[in-house]
C-alpha atoms as a PDB file:
ATOM      1  CA  MET A   1     -23.588   2.021  21.668  1.00  0.00           C
ATOM      2  CA  LEU A   2     -21.546   4.308  19.955  1.00  0.00           C
ATOM      3  CA  HIS A   3     -18.782   5.653  18.016  1.00  0.00           C
ATOM      4  CA  CYS A   4     -16.418   2.996  16.680  1.00  0.00           C
ATOM      5  CA  PRO A   5     -12.917   4.105  15.673  1.00  0.00           C
ATOM      6  CA  ILE A   6     -12.863   2.163  12.432  1.00  0.00           C
ATOM      7  CA  GLY A   7     -15.839   4.199  11.210  1.00  0.00           C
ATOM      8  CA  LYS A   8     -13.656   7.305  10.736  1.00  0.00           C
ATOM      9  CA  ASN A   9     -12.456   6.181   7.341  1.00  0.00           C
ATOM     10  CA  LEU A  10     -15.931   5.574   5.946  1.00  0.00           C
ATOM     11  CA  LYS A  11     -17.583   7.733   3.350  1.00  0.00           C
ATOM     12  CA  CYS A  12     -21.154   8.911   3.809  1.00  0.00           C
ATOM     13  CA  VAL A  13     -23.248   6.435   1.835  1.00  0.00           C
ATOM     14  CA  SER A  14     -27.001   6.623   1.427  1.00  0.00           C
ATOM     15  CA  PHE A  15     -29.023   3.424   1.288  1.00  0.00           C
ATOM     16  CA  SER A  16     -31.300   2.398  -1.551  1.00  0.00           C
ATOM     17  CA  ILE A  17     -31.419  -1.301  -2.424  1.00  0.00           C
ATOM     18  CA  TRP A  18     -29.316  -3.487  -0.176  1.00  0.00           C
ATOM     19  CA  THR A  19     -26.447  -5.337  -1.761  1.00  0.00           C
ATOM     20  CA  ASN A  20     -23.581  -7.055  -0.034  1.00  0.00           C
ATOM     21  CA  PRO A  21     -20.336  -7.008  -2.061  1.00  0.00           C
ATOM     22  CA  PHE A  22     -18.549  -9.352   0.331  1.00  0.00           C
ATOM     23  CA  ARG A  23     -20.585 -12.513  -0.246  1.00  0.00           C
ATOM     24  CA  ALA A  24     -21.933 -14.391  -3.223  1.00  0.00           C
ATOM     25  CA  TYR A  25     -24.600 -16.978  -2.451  1.00  0.00           C
ATOM     26  CA  THR A  26     -25.939 -19.816  -4.519  1.00  0.00           C
ATOM     27  CA  THR A  27     -29.518 -20.963  -4.280  1.00  0.00           C
ATOM     28  CA  SER A  28     -28.335 -24.360  -3.139  1.00  0.00           C
ATOM     29  CA  LEU A  29     -26.591 -23.013  -0.028  1.00  0.00           C
ATOM     30  CA  LYS A  30     -28.527 -23.766   3.144  1.00  0.00           C
ATOM     31  CA  ARG A  31     -29.122 -20.693   5.268  1.00  0.00           C
ATOM     32  CA  PRO A  32     -27.590 -20.807   8.789  1.00  0.00           C
ATOM     33  CA  LEU A  33     -30.031 -21.105  11.686  1.00  0.00           C
ATOM     34  CA  VAL A  34     -30.294 -18.248  14.191  1.00  0.00           C
ATOM     35  CA  LYS A  35     -32.277 -18.741  17.400  1.00  0.00           C
ATOM     36  CA  VAL A  36     -34.293 -15.677  18.397  1.00  0.00           C
ATOM     37  CA  ILE A  37     -34.946 -15.212  22.114  1.00  0.00           C
ATOM     38  CA  ARG A  38     -37.386 -12.436  23.000  1.00  0.00           C
ATOM     39  CA  LEU A  39     -36.581 -11.245  26.505  1.00  0.00           C
ATOM     40  CA  GLY A  40     -39.264  -8.576  26.800  1.00  0.00           C
ATOM     41  CA  ARG A  41     -38.478  -5.732  29.201  1.00  0.00           C
ATOM     42  CA  MET A  42     -35.420  -6.558  31.299  1.00  0.00           C
ATOM     43  CA  GLU A  43     -32.761  -4.897  33.434  1.00  0.00           C
ATOM     44  CA  TYR A  44     -29.552  -4.316  31.505  1.00  0.00           C
ATOM     45  CA  THR A  45     -27.410  -6.427  33.830  1.00  0.00           C
ATOM     46  CA  GLU A  46     -29.699  -9.437  33.445  1.00  0.00           C
ATOM     47  CA  ALA A  47     -29.440  -9.340  29.660  1.00  0.00           C
ATOM     48  CA  LEU A  48     -25.688  -8.899  29.957  1.00  0.00           C
ATOM     49  CA  LYS A  49     -25.457 -12.068  32.066  1.00  0.00           C
ATOM     50  CA  LEU A  50     -27.284 -14.009  29.366  1.00  0.00           C
ATOM     51  CA  GLN A  51     -24.841 -12.777  26.737  1.00  0.00           C
ATOM     52  CA  GLN A  52     -21.920 -13.759  28.948  1.00  0.00           C
ATOM     53  CA  GLN A  53     -23.435 -17.192  29.470  1.00  0.00           C
ATOM     54  CA  ILE A  54     -23.494 -17.798  25.724  1.00  0.00           C
ATOM     55  CA  ILE A  55     -19.977 -16.407  25.229  1.00  0.00           C
ATOM     56  CA  ASN A  56     -18.627 -18.650  28.007  1.00  0.00           C
ATOM     57  CA  TYR A  57     -20.309 -21.608  26.384  1.00  0.00           C
ATOM     58  CA  HIS A  58     -18.697 -20.596  23.110  1.00  0.00           C
ATOM     59  CA  MET A  59     -15.267 -20.515  24.759  1.00  0.00           C
ATOM     60  CA  ASN A  60     -15.726 -24.058  26.085  1.00  0.00           C
ATOM     61  CA  LYS A  61     -16.943 -25.379  22.738  1.00  0.00           C
ATOM     62  CA  TYR A  62     -14.598 -23.347  20.550  1.00  0.00           C
ATOM     63  CA  ARG A  63     -12.262 -26.216  19.656  1.00  0.00           C
ATOM     64  CA  ASP A  64     -15.126 -28.590  18.959  1.00  0.00           C
ATOM     65  CA  GLY A  65     -16.419 -26.669  15.962  1.00  0.00           C
ATOM     66  CA  LEU A  66     -18.886 -23.884  15.238  1.00  0.00           C
ATOM     67  CA  THR A  67     -21.328 -22.749  17.916  1.00  0.00           C
ATOM     68  CA  ASP A  68     -25.011 -21.835  17.665  1.00  0.00           C
ATOM     69  CA  ASP A  69     -26.062 -18.324  16.660  1.00  0.00           C
ATOM     70  CA  TYR A  70     -28.556 -16.237  18.623  1.00  0.00           C
ATOM     71  CA  LEU A  71     -30.449 -12.976  18.454  1.00  0.00           C
ATOM     72  CA  LEU A  72     -31.382 -11.672  21.899  1.00  0.00           C
ATOM     73  CA  GLN A  73     -34.170  -9.120  21.607  1.00  0.00           C
ATOM     74  CA  VAL A  74     -34.873  -6.875  24.592  1.00  0.00           C
ATOM     75  CA  GLU A  75     -36.315  -3.573  25.787  1.00  0.00           C
ATOM     76  CA  HIS A  76     -34.259  -2.265  28.699  1.00  0.00           C
ATOM     77  CA  LEU A  77     -35.238  -0.318  31.752  1.00  0.00           C
ATOM     78  CA  PRO A  78     -33.479   3.096  31.822  1.00  0.00           C
ATOM     79  CA  VAL A  79     -29.684   2.713  31.878  1.00  0.00           C
ATOM     80  CA  TYR A  80     -26.533   4.497  30.727  1.00  0.00           C
ATOM     81  CA  THR A  81     -23.612   2.423  29.436  1.00  0.00           C
ATOM     82  CA  CYS A  82     -20.074   3.298  28.400  1.00  0.00           C
ATOM     83  CA  GLY A  83     -17.389   1.291  26.615  1.00  0.00           C
ATOM     84  CA  ARG A  84     -14.406   0.146  28.627  1.00  0.00           C
ATOM     85  CA  ARG A  85     -11.809   2.189  26.716  1.00  0.00           C
ATOM     86  CA  GLN A  86     -13.734   5.430  27.203  1.00  0.00           C
ATOM     87  CA  TRP A  87     -14.556   4.887  30.883  1.00  0.00           C
ATOM     88  CA  LYS A  88     -11.661   7.043  32.132  1.00  0.00           C
ATOM     89  CA  THR A  89     -13.158  10.113  30.470  1.00  0.00           C
ATOM     90  CA  VAL A  90     -16.833   9.277  30.954  1.00  0.00           C
ATOM     91  CA  GLN A  91     -17.373  12.289  33.242  1.00  0.00           C
ATOM     92  CA  GLU A  92     -16.701  14.531  30.252  1.00  0.00           C
ATOM     93  CA  GLU A  93     -19.730  12.987  28.528  1.00  0.00           C
ATOM     94  CA  LEU A  94     -22.134  13.323  31.483  1.00  0.00           C
ATOM     95  CA  LYS A  95     -24.066  16.533  32.110  1.00  0.00           C
ATOM     96  CA  PHE A  96     -24.679  15.782  35.790  1.00  0.00           C
ATOM     97  CA  PRO A  97     -22.425  15.355  38.843  1.00  0.00           C
ATOM     98  CA  TRP A  98     -21.009  11.851  39.111  1.00  0.00           C
ATOM     99  CA  ASN A  99     -17.924   9.992  40.302  1.00  0.00           C
ATOM    100  CA  GLU A 100     -16.726   6.439  39.737  1.00  0.00           C
ATOM    101  CA  GLN A 101     -17.984   5.299  43.132  1.00  0.00           C
ATOM    102  CA  ASP A 102     -21.562   6.119  42.121  1.00  0.00           C
ATOM    103  CA  THR A 103     -23.583   3.260  40.631  1.00  0.00           C
ATOM    104  CA  GLN A 104     -26.234   5.583  39.228  1.00  0.00           C
ATOM    105  CA  SER A 105     -27.025   9.174  38.380  1.00  0.00           C
ATOM    106  CA  LYS A 106     -28.005  10.985  41.571  1.00  0.00           C
ATOM    107  CA  GLU A 107     -30.142  13.338  39.512  1.00  0.00           C
ATOM    108  CA  SER A 108     -32.223  10.770  37.642  1.00  0.00           C
ATOM    109  CA  CYS A 109     -31.452   7.539  39.561  1.00  0.00           C
ATOM    110  CA  VAL A 110     -30.487   5.877  36.266  1.00  0.00           C
ATOM    111  CA  PRO A 111     -27.771   3.193  36.592  1.00  0.00           C
ATOM    112  CA  ILE A 112     -24.428   3.725  34.829  1.00  0.00           C
ATOM    113  CA  HIS A 113     -22.424   0.688  33.709  1.00  0.00           C
ATOM    114  CA  ARG A 114     -18.939   0.210  32.299  1.00  0.00           C
ATOM    115  CA  ILE A 115     -19.139  -2.583  29.738  1.00  0.00           C
ATOM    116  CA  ASP A 116     -16.810  -4.449  27.399  1.00  0.00           C
ATOM    117  CA  ARG A 117     -17.742  -2.931  24.083  1.00  0.00           C
ATOM    118  CA  GLY A 118     -16.268  -0.097  22.063  1.00  0.00           C
ATOM    119  CA  GLY A 119     -17.544   3.448  22.134  1.00  0.00           C
ATOM    120  CA  LYS A 120     -18.674   6.180  24.462  1.00  0.00           C
ATOM    121  CA  VAL A 121     -21.702   6.710  26.668  1.00  0.00           C
ATOM    122  CA  THR A 122     -25.253   6.073  25.459  1.00  0.00           C
ATOM    123  CA  TYR A 123     -28.739   5.485  26.845  1.00  0.00           C
ATOM    124  CA  HIS A 124     -31.112   2.524  26.678  1.00  0.00           C
ATOM    125  CA  GLY A 125     -34.683   2.510  27.900  1.00  0.00           C
ATOM    126  CA  PRO A 126     -38.360   1.805  27.235  1.00  0.00           C
ATOM    127  CA  GLY A 127     -39.480   2.589  23.699  1.00  0.00           C
ATOM    128  CA  GLN A 128     -36.195   1.367  22.242  1.00  0.00           C
ATOM    129  CA  VAL A 129     -35.566  -2.032  20.642  1.00  0.00           C
ATOM    130  CA  VAL A 130     -32.185  -3.545  21.502  1.00  0.00           C
ATOM    131  CA  ILE A 131     -30.856  -6.557  19.604  1.00  0.00           C
ATOM    132  CA  TYR A 132     -27.764  -8.529  20.576  1.00  0.00           C
ATOM    133  CA  PRO A 133     -26.563 -10.743  17.708  1.00  0.00           C
ATOM    134  CA  LEU A 134     -24.391 -13.555  19.067  1.00  0.00           C
ATOM    135  CA  PHE A 135     -22.914 -14.839  15.818  1.00  0.00           C
ATOM    136  CA  ASP A 136     -19.969 -17.136  15.177  1.00  0.00           C
ATOM    137  CA  LEU A 137     -18.164 -15.243  12.429  1.00  0.00           C
ATOM    138  CA  ARG A 138     -15.894 -18.257  11.825  1.00  0.00           C
ATOM    139  CA  ASN A 139     -18.815 -19.731   9.900  1.00  0.00           C
ATOM    140  CA  GLU A 140     -17.619 -18.402   6.578  1.00  0.00           C
ATOM    141  CA  ALA A 141     -20.513 -20.014   4.762  1.00  0.00           C
ATOM    142  CA  ALA A 142     -22.663 -17.371   6.405  1.00  0.00           C
ATOM    143  CA  TYR A 143     -20.445 -14.567   7.659  1.00  0.00           C
ATOM    144  CA  LYS A 144     -17.014 -13.027   7.245  1.00  0.00           C
ATOM    145  CA  LYS A 145     -14.233 -12.672   9.812  1.00  0.00           C
ATOM    146  CA  ASP A 146     -14.139  -8.957   9.241  1.00  0.00           C
ATOM    147  CA  LEU A 147     -15.243  -6.332  11.783  1.00  0.00           C
ATOM    148  CA  TYR A 148     -15.729  -3.704   9.077  1.00  0.00           C
ATOM    149  CA  TRP A 149     -18.068  -6.024   7.170  1.00  0.00           C
ATOM    150  CA  TYR A 150     -19.987  -6.916  10.323  1.00  0.00           C
ATOM    151  CA  LEU A 151     -20.611  -3.298  11.389  1.00  0.00           C
ATOM    152  CA  ARG A 152     -21.690  -2.231   7.916  1.00  0.00           C
ATOM    153  CA  THR A 153     -24.060  -5.190   7.654  1.00  0.00           C
ATOM    154  CA  LEU A 154     -25.678  -4.300  10.981  1.00  0.00           C
ATOM    155  CA  GLU A 155     -26.242  -0.798   9.625  1.00  0.00           C
ATOM    156  CA  ASP A 156     -27.752  -2.267   6.459  1.00  0.00           C
ATOM    157  CA  VAL A 157     -30.315  -4.166   8.571  1.00  0.00           C
ATOM    158  CA  VAL A 158     -31.612  -0.906  10.025  1.00  0.00           C
ATOM    159  CA  MET A 159     -31.533   1.009   6.741  1.00  0.00           C
ATOM    160  CA  SER A 160     -33.414  -1.803   5.047  1.00  0.00           C
ATOM    161  CA  LEU A 161     -36.148  -1.463   7.684  1.00  0.00           C
ATOM    162  CA  LEU A 162     -36.365   2.319   7.287  1.00  0.00           C
ATOM    163  CA  THR A 163     -36.565   2.346   3.494  1.00  0.00           C
ATOM    164  CA  GLN A 164     -38.562  -0.786   2.777  1.00  0.00           C
ATOM    165  CA  ASP A 165     -41.036  -0.938   5.665  1.00  0.00           C
ATOM    166  CA  TYR A 166     -41.438   2.770   6.441  1.00  0.00           C
ATOM    167  CA  HIS A 167     -40.390   4.400   3.134  1.00  0.00           C
ATOM    168  CA  ILE A 168     -38.891   7.371   4.947  1.00  0.00           C
ATOM    169  CA  ASP A 169     -37.398   8.625   1.687  1.00  0.00           C
ATOM    170  CA  LYS A 170     -40.895   9.192   0.265  1.00  0.00           C
ATOM    171  CA  GLU A 171     -43.424  11.937   0.934  1.00  0.00           C
ATOM    172  CA  PRO A 172     -44.399  13.173   3.437  1.00  0.00           C
ATOM    173  CA  CYS A 173     -41.295  12.072   5.405  1.00  0.00           C
ATOM    174  CA  ASN A 174     -38.713  13.122   2.797  1.00  0.00           C
ATOM    175  CA  ALA A 175     -35.811  11.854   4.881  1.00  0.00           C
ATOM    176  CA  LYS A 176     -32.681   9.926   3.999  1.00  0.00           C
ATOM    177  CA  CYS A 177     -30.907   7.299   6.082  1.00  0.00           C
ATOM    178  CA  PHE A 178     -27.169   6.887   5.713  1.00  0.00           C
ATOM    179  CA  HIS A 179     -23.816   5.749   7.080  1.00  0.00           C
ATOM    180  CA  ASP A 180     -21.867   8.559   8.697  1.00  0.00           C
ATOM    181  CA  GLU A 181     -18.185   8.810   7.779  1.00  0.00           C
ATOM    182  CA  GLU A 182     -17.168   9.454  11.387  1.00  0.00           C
ATOM    183  CA  PHE A 183     -19.745   7.864  13.697  1.00  0.00           C
ATOM    184  CA  THR A 184     -20.862   4.251  13.407  1.00  0.00           C
ATOM    185  CA  GLY A 185     -24.641   3.759  13.458  1.00  0.00           C
ATOM    186  CA  VAL A 186     -27.582   4.772  11.302  1.00  0.00           C
ATOM    187  CA  TRP A 187     -28.490   8.403  10.774  1.00  0.00           C
ATOM    188  CA  VAL A 188     -31.524  10.159   9.336  1.00  0.00           C
ATOM    189  CA  SER A 189     -31.085  13.421   7.441  1.00  0.00           C
ATOM    190  CA  ARG A 190     -33.992  15.815   6.887  1.00  0.00           C
ATOM    191  CA  HIS A 191     -34.863  19.478   6.540  1.00  0.00           C
ATOM    192  CA  VAL A 192     -36.349  20.848   9.739  1.00  0.00           C
ATOM    193  CA  GLN A 193     -37.540  24.110  11.190  1.00  0.00           C
ATOM    194  CA  GLN A 194     -36.543  24.511  14.814  1.00  0.00           C
ATOM    195  CA  THR A 195     -38.230  26.982  17.165  1.00  0.00           C
ATOM    196  CA  ASP A 196     -38.423  26.932  20.966  1.00  0.00           C
ATOM    197  CA  ASN A 197     -36.590  23.591  21.112  1.00  0.00           C
ATOM    198  CA  THR A 198     -39.249  22.034  18.858  1.00  0.00           C
ATOM    199  CA  ILE A 199     -38.217  20.334  15.632  1.00  0.00           C
ATOM    200  CA  LYS A 200     -40.728  20.211  12.794  1.00  0.00           C
ATOM    201  CA  THR A 201     -40.055  18.184   9.662  1.00  0.00           C
ATOM    202  CA  LEU A 202     -40.690  20.160   6.496  1.00  0.00           C
ATOM    203  CA  ASN A 203     -42.278  18.764   3.359  1.00  0.00           C
ATOM    204  CA  LEU A 204     -39.988  20.450   0.837  1.00  0.00           C
ATOM    205  CA  ASN A 205     -41.574  18.696  -2.134  1.00  0.00           C
ATOM    206  CA  SER A 206     -45.106  19.977  -1.620  1.00  0.00           C
ATOM    207  CA  ASN A 207     -46.474  22.052  -4.525  1.00  0.00           C
ATOM    208  CA  ALA A 208     -49.907  22.740  -3.091  1.00  0.00           C
ATOM    209  CA  ASN A 209     -50.948  26.285  -4.056  1.00  0.00           C
ATOM    210  CA  ALA A 210     -52.688  26.902  -0.767  1.00  0.00           C
ATOM    211  CA  ASN A 211     -49.451  26.281   1.127  1.00  0.00           C
ATOM    212  CA  ALA A 212     -47.027  27.849  -1.351  1.00  0.00           C
ATOM    213  CA  ASN A 213     -46.299  31.015   0.612  1.00  0.00           C
ATOM    214  CA  ALA A 214     -46.111  29.185   3.950  1.00  0.00           C
ATOM    215  CA  ASN A 215     -43.748  26.620   2.484  1.00  0.00           C
ATOM    216  CA  ALA A 216     -41.552  29.332   0.970  1.00  0.00           C
ATOM    217  CA  ASN A 217     -41.208  31.115   4.295  1.00  0.00           C
ATOM    218  CA  ALA A 218     -40.586  27.886   6.194  1.00  0.00           C
ATOM    219  CA  ASN A 219     -38.082  26.620   3.641  1.00  0.00           C
ATOM    220  CA  ALA A 220     -36.104  29.844   3.863  1.00  0.00           C
ATOM    221  CA  ASN A 221     -35.514  29.168   7.556  1.00  0.00           C
ATOM    222  CA  ALA A 222     -35.036  25.414   7.221  1.00  0.00           C
ATOM    223  CA  ILE A 223     -31.848  23.709   8.301  1.00  0.00           C
ATOM    224  CA  GLN A 224     -30.426  20.356   7.279  1.00  0.00           C
ATOM    225  CA  ARG A 225     -30.244  18.162  10.359  1.00  0.00           C
ATOM    226  CA  SER A 226     -28.857  14.664  10.895  1.00  0.00           C
ATOM    227  CA  ASP A 227     -30.052  12.602  13.846  1.00  0.00           C
ATOM    228  CA  LYS A 228     -28.987   9.160  14.970  1.00  0.00           C
ATOM    229  CA  ILE A 229     -31.822   6.645  15.102  1.00  0.00           C
ATOM    230  CA  SER A 230     -29.751   3.524  15.704  1.00  0.00           C
ATOM    231  CA  ALA A 231     -26.571   3.206  17.763  1.00  0.00           C
ATOM    232  CA  ILE A 232     -24.193   0.297  17.256  1.00  0.00           C
ATOM    233  CA  GLY A 233     -21.532  -0.963  19.623  1.00  0.00           C
ATOM    234  CA  VAL A 234     -20.096  -4.465  19.544  1.00  0.00           C
ATOM    235  CA  GLY A 235     -17.642  -6.802  21.178  1.00  0.00           C
ATOM    236  CA  ILE A 236     -15.966  -9.817  19.588  1.00  0.00           C
ATOM    237  CA  SER A 237     -14.273 -12.678  21.405  1.00  0.00           C
ATOM    238  CA  ARG A 238     -12.661 -15.384  19.257  1.00  0.00           C
ATOM    239  CA  TRP A 239     -14.934 -14.214  16.463  1.00  0.00           C
ATOM    240  CA  LYS A 240     -18.093 -14.650  18.549  1.00  0.00           C
ATOM    241  CA  THR A 241     -19.993 -11.359  18.487  1.00  0.00           C
ATOM    242  CA  TYR A 242     -21.846  -9.819  21.415  1.00  0.00           C
ATOM    243  CA  HIS A 243     -23.503  -6.511  22.305  1.00  0.00           C
ATOM    244  CA  GLY A 244     -25.146  -5.081  19.190  1.00  0.00           C
ATOM    245  CA  LEU A 245     -27.562  -2.346  18.175  1.00  0.00           C
ATOM    246  CA  SER A 246     -30.328  -0.178  19.593  1.00  0.00           C
ATOM    247  CA  PHE A 247     -33.157   1.316  17.555  1.00  0.00           C
ATOM    248  CA  ASN A 248     -35.261   4.212  18.821  1.00  0.00           C
ATOM    249  CA  VAL A 249     -38.976   3.690  18.232  1.00  0.00           C
ATOM    250  CA  ASN A 250     -40.676   6.059  20.686  1.00  0.00           C
ATOM    251  CA  CYS A 251     -38.295   6.353  23.629  1.00  0.00           C
ATOM    252  CA  ASP A 252     -37.994   9.370  25.941  1.00  0.00           C
ATOM    253  CA  LEU A 253     -35.252  11.379  24.243  1.00  0.00           C
ATOM    254  CA  THR A 254     -34.783  13.685  27.249  1.00  0.00           C
ATOM    255  CA  PHE A 255     -32.510  11.018  28.771  1.00  0.00           C
ATOM    256  CA  PHE A 256     -30.073  11.723  25.922  1.00  0.00           C
ATOM    257  CA  ASP A 257     -30.080  15.412  26.889  1.00  0.00           C
ATOM    258  CA  LYS A 258     -28.271  14.489  30.109  1.00  0.00           C
ATOM    259  CA  ILE A 259     -25.275  13.041  28.248  1.00  0.00           C
ATOM    260  CA  VAL A 260     -23.165  13.661  25.148  1.00  0.00           C
ATOM    261  CA  PRO A 261     -24.545  10.664  23.240  1.00  0.00           C
ATOM    262  CA  CYS A 262     -21.765   8.679  21.603  1.00  0.00           C
ATOM    263  CA  GLY A 263     -19.484  11.699  22.035  1.00  0.00           C
ATOM    264  CA  ILE A 264     -21.356  13.706  19.383  1.00  0.00           C
ATOM    265  CA  ARG A 265     -21.108  17.437  20.113  1.00  0.00           C
ATOM    266  CA  ASP A 266     -22.217  18.871  16.760  1.00  0.00           C
ATOM    267  CA  PRO A 267     -25.324  21.057  17.435  1.00  0.00           C
ATOM    268  CA  ASN A 268     -26.854  19.966  14.129  1.00  0.00           C
ATOM    269  CA  LYS A 269     -26.615  16.304  15.079  1.00  0.00           C
ATOM    270  CA  GLY A 270     -28.780  14.652  17.700  1.00  0.00           C
ATOM    271  CA  VAL A 271     -30.989  11.649  18.386  1.00  0.00           C
ATOM    272  CA  THR A 272     -34.418  10.845  16.993  1.00  0.00           C
ATOM    273  CA  ASN A 273     -37.251   8.297  17.108  1.00  0.00           C
ATOM    274  CA  LEU A 274     -38.907   6.365  14.306  1.00  0.00           C
ATOM    275  CA  CYS A 275     -42.280   7.724  15.430  1.00  0.00           C
ATOM    276  CA  ASP A 276     -41.014  11.286  14.978  1.00  0.00           C
ATOM    277  CA  ILE A 277     -39.801  10.545  11.450  1.00  0.00           C
ATOM    278  CA  VAL A 278     -43.049   8.930  10.251  1.00  0.00           C
ATOM    279  CA  SER A 279     -45.515  11.042  12.263  1.00  0.00           C
ATOM    280  CA  ALA A 280     -46.416  13.112   9.191  1.00  0.00           C
ATOM    281  CA  ARG A 281     -47.854   9.945   7.686  1.00  0.00           C
ATOM    282  CA  GLY A 282     -50.006   9.316  10.774  1.00  0.00           C
ATOM    283  CA  THR A 283     -48.100   6.104  11.501  1.00  0.00           C
ATOM    284  CA  MET A 284     -47.295   5.147  15.103  1.00  0.00           C
ATOM    285  CA  PRO A 285     -45.187   1.952  15.064  1.00  0.00           C
ATOM    286  CA  THR A 286     -45.143  -0.211  18.184  1.00  0.00           C
ATOM    287  CA  ILE A 287     -42.166  -1.874  19.836  1.00  0.00           C
ATOM    288  CA  SER A 288     -43.627  -5.311  19.068  1.00  0.00           C
ATOM    289  CA  THR A 289     -44.093  -4.555  15.372  1.00  0.00           C
ATOM    290  CA  VAL A 290     -40.642  -3.028  14.918  1.00  0.00           C
ATOM    291  CA  SER A 291     -39.019  -5.925  16.794  1.00  0.00           C
ATOM    292  CA  ASP A 292     -40.560  -8.435  14.392  1.00  0.00           C
ATOM    293  CA  GLN A 293     -39.599  -6.311  11.389  1.00  0.00           C
ATOM    294  CA  LEU A 294     -35.976  -6.084  12.516  1.00  0.00           C
ATOM    295  CA  VAL A 295     -35.766  -9.862  12.824  1.00  0.00           C
ATOM    296  CA  ALA A 296     -37.131 -10.193   9.282  1.00  0.00           C
ATOM    297  CA  HIS A 297     -34.482  -7.821   7.969  1.00  0.00           C
ATOM    298  CA  PHE A 298     -31.749  -9.673   9.864  1.00  0.00           C
ATOM    299  CA  GLU A 299     -32.890 -12.758   7.962  1.00  0.00           C
ATOM    300  CA  ARG A 300     -32.766 -11.052   4.600  1.00  0.00           C
ATOM    301  CA  VAL A 301     -29.623  -8.956   4.989  1.00  0.00           C
ATOM    302  CA  PHE A 302     -27.482 -11.616   6.722  1.00  0.00           C
ATOM    303  CA  GLN A 303     -29.167 -14.369   4.662  1.00  0.00           C
ATOM    304  CA  VAL A 304     -29.920 -16.534   7.688  1.00  0.00           C
ATOM    305  CA  LYS A 305     -33.016 -18.366   8.951  1.00  0.00           C
ATOM    306  CA  CYS A 306     -34.411 -17.026  12.248  1.00  0.00           C
ATOM    307  CA  VAL A 307     -36.467 -19.314  14.489  1.00  0.00           C
ATOM    308  CA  ASP A 308     -37.981 -18.535  17.879  1.00  0.00           C
ATOM    309  CA  ALA A 309     -36.513 -20.179  20.970  1.00  0.00           C
ATOM    310  CA  ASP A 310     -37.442 -19.695  24.613  1.00  0.00           C
ATOM    311  CA  LEU A 311     -35.315 -18.514  27.508  1.00  0.00           C
ATOM    312  CA  GLY A 312     -35.141 -22.040  28.890  1.00  0.00           C
ATOM    313  CA  HIS A 313     -32.896 -22.928  25.984  1.00  0.00           C
ATOM    314  CA  LEU A 314     -30.212 -20.612  27.355  1.00  0.00           C
ATOM    315  CA  HIS A 315     -30.530 -21.965  30.874  1.00  0.00           C
ATOM    316  CA  ALA A 316     -29.946 -25.447  29.483  1.00  0.00           C
ATOM    317  CA  LEU A 317     -26.536 -24.559  28.083  1.00  0.00           C
ATOM    318  CA  SER A 318     -23.777 -26.432  29.863  1.00  0.00           C
ATOM    319  CA  LEU A 319     -20.960 -24.167  31.013  1.00  0.00           C
END
């Protein structure tokens, strides 16, 4: 999940109150139903098979009308993935010896998969929520057949969570989430002091007399840093979406050190966790809580109705 080429023409836009300029809804319009399937912790290839099962079903039913929409929610075991168009140069993004015949990193024993989405190499693992929206964008009562709109709306889901549930723009976090003009995904910008590979978020708005001198010294050495908290990489087949977004809650970020995540080489850009952003507030969000919150924001931002369904529902699909 990853850099998407169409993101290069975007301007950096901070998020405040979510508005969607592409759709106008009336109160009488019935919200589309989205079935949420919570897969728990699962190998990447197993979740991929479930996505493919739904897409194949969509292909068979395509001429018969609109298909059902799903949100697959999962926490993966450690895995690296790379988009199909970037696979030929994937070695340039890996910081360990590897060749195409290898199925995993010899150094860390983490599988590496070439998959049919856009973008470069990224990592998924425990402590990270992954959501695969399988939406039929032909349903123009709910969506728009527009990849630009779809990617921006996915970003709005995450930014809505960060600002409305965790208030990261308020003290003591003092961070800002935004769209990046070059790299698709959600980023968090903050002032930090970095020493011995340790990043400490600074409270630049504090006026406490007791800390005035310490703050002045720290602020003089502070740098503005932008870190990705949510990666987005999608595929679309006949306007049925698959793949999706990952959101770092409290995952082991050292796995990202072994790659060039999403092809980002800027030393002042990296990867971060939600727990790191809100730690100054003494808040330690859990995977379960964040998963539920993301579903709620999918409902609000996409203006759909999410209902729980079990895995047996997918197995019952006729291919």
